[in-house]
Amino acid sequence: MEVVFQEKLYKAQREESDKLAESRAKALLFPNPDVIVKGFPRAKDFAQCLKDMCSIEEKLEQRRKEVAMRTDFNIPDSYRMFTQGKIGTPGVDCDDLYQTCANVLDSQITKDEMFIIFYRVDKDCDGYWCFDEFK
């Protein structure tokens, strides 16, 4: 019963946070989108891109927090799922990530999309996600 209540509470908090993020993003970067900056005719498109990036990053961070707060989520077990029980590897590589997402989690993500995600998180650029990067 308590888990169901927590899930409903998380959902309500997430919806409220999404609405707040959306309202912030609307007024954030380019308050007057009809103005054309001299010498930069695509300024409106650039500002929209930045606005979208901020919105996406904010939503992503909110989802990370929600998952971390769930009582049924365990980071070490999740990490082991992606390393697929391989012993002696320095971490999760891009192929492990793709195979687990495609085969275990039934994700419809492409290898190219996975590559982009992987190297965005791989801060030390060693080709592996160590446990700290995975967190």
C-alpha atoms as a PDB file:
ATOM      1  CA  MET A   1       0.000   0.000   0.000  1.00  0.00           C
ATOM      2  CA  GLU A   2       2.811   2.396   0.905  1.00  0.00           C
ATOM      3  CA  VAL A   3       4.651   1.685  -2.374  1.00  0.00           C
ATOM      4  CA  VAL A   4       1.510   2.526  -4.372  1.00  0.00           C
ATOM      5  CA  PHE A   5       1.138   5.780  -2.454  1.00  0.00           C
ATOM      6  CA  GLN A   6       4.802   6.639  -3.077  1.00  0.00           C
ATOM      7  CA  GLU A   7       4.417   5.921  -6.795  1.00  0.00           C
ATOM      8  CA  LYS A   8       1.376   8.242  -6.980  1.00  0.00           C
ATOM      9  CA  LEU A   9       3.265  10.901  -5.065  1.00  0.00           C
ATOM     10  CA  TYR A  10       6.283  10.600  -7.405  1.00  0.00           C
ATOM     11  CA  LYS A  11       3.987  10.843 -10.422  1.00  0.00           C
ATOM     12  CA  ALA A  12       2.294  13.980  -9.080  1.00  0.00           C
ATOM     13  CA  GLN A  13       5.682  15.532  -8.265  1.00  0.00           C
ATOM     14  CA  ARG A  14       6.971  14.684 -11.731  1.00  0.00           C
ATOM     15  CA  GLU A  15       3.923  16.248 -13.424  1.00  0.00           C
ATOM     16  CA  GLU A  16       4.245  19.387 -11.328  1.00  0.00           C
ATOM     17  CA  SER A  17       7.961  19.593 -12.067  1.00  0.00           C
ATOM     18  CA  ASP A  18       7.351  19.128 -15.813  1.00  0.00           C
ATOM     19  CA  LYS A  19       4.821  21.973 -15.840  1.00  0.00           C
ATOM     20  CA  LEU A  20       7.223  24.229 -13.972  1.00  0.00           C
ATOM     21  CA  ALA A  21      10.108  23.349 -16.310  1.00  0.00           C
ATOM     22  CA  GLU A  22       7.942  24.036 -19.340  1.00  0.00           C
ATOM     23  CA  SER A  23       6.883  27.455 -18.057  1.00  0.00           C
ATOM     24  CA  ARG A  24      10.511  28.334 -17.241  1.00  0.00           C
ATOM     25  CA  ALA A  25      11.711  27.214 -20.650  1.00  0.00           C
ATOM     26  CA  LYS A  26       9.168  29.395 -22.457  1.00  0.00           C
ATOM     27  CA  ALA A  27      10.535  32.588 -20.951  1.00  0.00           C
ATOM     28  CA  LEU A  28      14.145  31.506 -20.621  1.00  0.00           C
ATOM     29  CA  LEU A  29      16.431  32.198 -23.535  1.00  0.00           C
ATOM     30  CA  PHE A  30      14.812  34.316 -26.173  1.00  0.00           C
ATOM     31  CA  PRO A  31      11.943  36.322 -24.730  1.00  0.00           C
ATOM     32  CA  ASN A  32      11.184  38.026 -28.051  1.00  0.00           C
ATOM     33  CA  PRO A  33      11.568  35.351 -30.766  1.00  0.00           C
ATOM     34  CA  ASP A  34      10.375  37.680 -33.554  1.00  0.00           C
ATOM     35  CA  VAL A  35      13.474  39.852 -33.298  1.00  0.00           C
ATOM     36  CA  ILE A  36      16.116  39.019 -35.881  1.00  0.00           C
ATOM     37  CA  VAL A  37      19.642  39.627 -34.636  1.00  0.00           C
ATOM     38  CA  LYS A  38      21.663  41.579 -37.173  1.00  0.00           C
ATOM     39  CA  GLY A  39      24.164  39.320 -38.890  1.00  0.00           C
ATOM     40  CA  PHE A  40      22.609  36.178 -37.392  1.00  0.00           C
ATOM     41  CA  PRO A  41      19.395  35.408 -39.277  1.00  0.00           C
ATOM     42  CA  ARG A  42      19.045  31.958 -37.671  1.00  0.00           C
ATOM     43  CA  ALA A  43      19.185  33.312 -34.119  1.00  0.00           C
ATOM     44  CA  LYS A  44      15.578  32.296 -33.513  1.00  0.00           C
ATOM     45  CA  ASP A  45      16.357  28.671 -34.472  1.00  0.00           C
ATOM     46  CA  PHE A  46      19.478  28.659 -32.324  1.00  0.00           C
ATOM     47  CA  ALA A  47      17.597  30.060 -29.338  1.00  0.00           C
ATOM     48  CA  GLN A  48      14.901  27.412 -29.791  1.00  0.00           C
ATOM     49  CA  CYS A  49      17.570  24.707 -29.880  1.00  0.00           C
ATOM     50  CA  LEU A  50      19.098  25.961 -26.627  1.00  0.00           C
ATOM     51  CA  LYS A  51      15.666  26.166 -25.044  1.00  0.00           C
ATOM     52  CA  ASP A  52      14.890  22.585 -26.086  1.00  0.00           C
ATOM     53  CA  MET A  53      18.224  21.368 -24.733  1.00  0.00           C
ATOM     54  CA  CYS A  54      17.575  23.010 -21.363  1.00  0.00           C
ATOM     55  CA  SER A  55      14.111  21.535 -21.195  1.00  0.00           C
ATOM     56  CA  ILE A  56      15.341  18.038 -22.054  1.00  0.00           C
ATOM     57  CA  GLU A  57      18.219  18.195 -19.565  1.00  0.00           C
ATOM     58  CA  GLU A  58      15.889  19.363 -16.822  1.00  0.00           C
ATOM     59  CA  LYS A  59      13.428  16.538 -17.508  1.00  0.00           C
ATOM     60  CA  LEU A  60      16.256  14.009 -17.629  1.00  0.00           C
ATOM     61  CA  GLU A  61      17.621  15.145 -14.274  1.00  0.00           C
ATOM     62  CA  GLN A  62      14.154  14.952 -12.754  1.00  0.00           C
ATOM     63  CA  ARG A  63      13.742  11.365 -14.026  1.00  0.00           C
ATOM     64  CA  ARG A  64      17.144  10.422 -12.591  1.00  0.00           C
ATOM     65  CA  LYS A  65      16.091  11.727  -9.201  1.00  0.00           C
ATOM     66  CA  GLU A  66      12.787   9.867  -9.369  1.00  0.00           C
ATOM     67  CA  VAL A  67      14.449   6.561 -10.210  1.00  0.00           C
ATOM     68  CA  ALA A  68      17.052   7.002  -7.481  1.00  0.00           C
ATOM     69  CA  MET A  69      14.319   7.632  -4.902  1.00  0.00           C
ATOM     70  CA  ARG A  70      12.303   4.538  -5.768  1.00  0.00           C
ATOM     71  CA  THR A  71      12.421   1.819  -3.152  1.00  0.00           C
ATOM     72  CA  ASP A  72      12.512  -0.943  -5.776  1.00  0.00           C
ATOM     73  CA  PHE A  73      15.540   0.449  -7.651  1.00  0.00           C
ATOM     74  CA  ASN A  74      19.033  -0.761  -6.899  1.00  0.00           C
ATOM     75  CA  ILE A  75      21.991   0.815  -8.722  1.00  0.00           C
ATOM     76  CA  PRO A  76      24.527  -2.010  -8.114  1.00  0.00           C
ATOM     77  CA  ASP A  77      22.097  -4.641  -9.465  1.00  0.00           C
ATOM     78  CA  SER A  78      21.354  -2.461 -12.480  1.00  0.00           C
ATOM     79  CA  TYR A  79      25.071  -2.023 -13.126  1.00  0.00           C
ATOM     80  CA  ARG A  80      25.587  -5.800 -12.975  1.00  0.00           C
ATOM     81  CA  MET A  81      22.730  -6.246 -15.457  1.00  0.00           C
ATOM     82  CA  PHE A  82      24.573  -4.071 -17.985  1.00  0.00           C
ATOM     83  CA  THR A  83      27.979  -5.698 -17.447  1.00  0.00           C
ATOM     84  CA  GLN A  84      26.178  -9.000 -18.094  1.00  0.00           C
ATOM     85  CA  GLY A  85      28.137 -10.784 -15.394  1.00  0.00           C
ATOM     86  CA  LYS A  86      31.472 -10.363 -17.176  1.00  0.00           C
ATOM     87  CA  ILE A  87      34.344 -10.639 -14.743  1.00  0.00           C
ATOM     88  CA  GLY A  88      37.471  -8.544 -15.182  1.00  0.00           C
ATOM     89  CA  THR A  89      35.959  -5.845 -17.385  1.00  0.00           C
ATOM     90  CA  PRO A  90      36.576  -2.231 -16.390  1.00  0.00           C
ATOM     91  CA  GLY A  91      32.879  -1.408 -16.784  1.00  0.00           C
ATOM     92  CA  VAL A  92      29.973  -1.269 -19.198  1.00  0.00           C
ATOM     93  CA  ASP A  93      30.961  -0.788 -22.831  1.00  0.00           C
ATOM     94  CA  CYS A  94      28.724   0.496 -25.625  1.00  0.00           C
ATOM     95  CA  ASP A  95      27.986  -3.003 -26.949  1.00  0.00           C
ATOM     96  CA  ASP A  96      26.946  -4.218 -23.482  1.00  0.00           C
ATOM     97  CA  LEU A  97      24.665  -1.225 -23.140  1.00  0.00           C
ATOM     98  CA  TYR A  98      23.074  -1.753 -26.550  1.00  0.00           C
ATOM     99  CA  GLN A  99      22.653  -5.518 -26.136  1.00  0.00           C
ATOM    100  CA  THR A 100      21.045  -5.156 -22.717  1.00  0.00           C
ATOM    101  CA  CYS A 101      18.702  -2.402 -23.860  1.00  0.00           C
ATOM    102  CA  ALA A 102      17.734  -4.254 -27.040  1.00  0.00           C
ATOM    103  CA  ASN A 103      17.487  -7.809 -25.712  1.00  0.00           C
ATOM    104  CA  VAL A 104      16.665  -7.538 -22.017  1.00  0.00           C
ATOM    105  CA  LEU A 105      14.742  -4.269 -21.884  1.00  0.00           C
ATOM    106  CA  ASP A 106      13.130  -4.541 -25.368  1.00  0.00           C
ATOM    107  CA  SER A 107      14.150  -0.987 -26.225  1.00  0.00           C
ATOM    108  CA  GLN A 108      13.696   0.253 -29.786  1.00  0.00           C
ATOM    109  CA  ILE A 109      16.879   2.326 -29.699  1.00  0.00           C
ATOM    110  CA  THR A 110      19.319   2.192 -32.618  1.00  0.00           C
ATOM    111  CA  LYS A 111      23.041   1.540 -32.308  1.00  0.00           C
ATOM    112  CA  ASP A 112      23.774   5.099 -33.428  1.00  0.00           C
ATOM    113  CA  GLU A 113      21.506   6.553 -30.744  1.00  0.00           C
ATOM    114  CA  MET A 114      23.113   4.301 -28.144  1.00  0.00           C
ATOM    115  CA  PHE A 115      26.566   5.406 -29.291  1.00  0.00           C
ATOM    116  CA  ILE A 116      25.612   9.065 -28.786  1.00  0.00           C
ATOM    117  CA  ILE A 117      24.202   8.375 -25.323  1.00  0.00           C
ATOM    118  CA  PHE A 118      27.177   6.236 -24.342  1.00  0.00           C
ATOM    119  CA  TYR A 119      29.862   8.745 -25.232  1.00  0.00           C
ATOM    120  CA  ARG A 120      27.965  11.596 -23.639  1.00  0.00           C
ATOM    121  CA  VAL A 121      28.087   9.781 -20.288  1.00  0.00           C
ATOM    122  CA  ASP A 122      31.627   8.387 -20.692  1.00  0.00           C
ATOM    123  CA  LYS A 123      33.348  11.402 -19.100  1.00  0.00           C
ATOM    124  CA  ASP A 124      36.879   9.977 -19.083  1.00  0.00           C
ATOM    125  CA  CYS A 125      36.553   8.731 -22.708  1.00  0.00           C
ATOM    126  CA  ASP A 126      38.016   5.306 -21.932  1.00  0.00           C
ATOM    127  CA  GLY A 127      35.256   3.386 -23.752  1.00  0.00           C
ATOM    128  CA  TYR A 128      33.657   2.113 -20.545  1.00  0.00           C
ATOM    129  CA  TRP A 129      31.180   3.358 -18.008  1.00  0.00           C
ATOM    130  CA  CYS A 130      32.678   2.833 -14.591  1.00  0.00           C
ATOM    131  CA  PHE A 131      30.267   2.545 -11.676  1.00  0.00           C
ATOM    132  CA  ASP A 132      30.464   6.289 -10.914  1.00  0.00           C
ATOM    133  CA  GLU A 133      29.629   7.204 -14.523  1.00  0.00           C
ATOM    134  CA  PHE A 134      26.768   4.713 -14.483  1.00  0.00           C
ATOM    135  CA  LYS A 135      25.283   6.309 -11.359  1.00  0.00           C
END
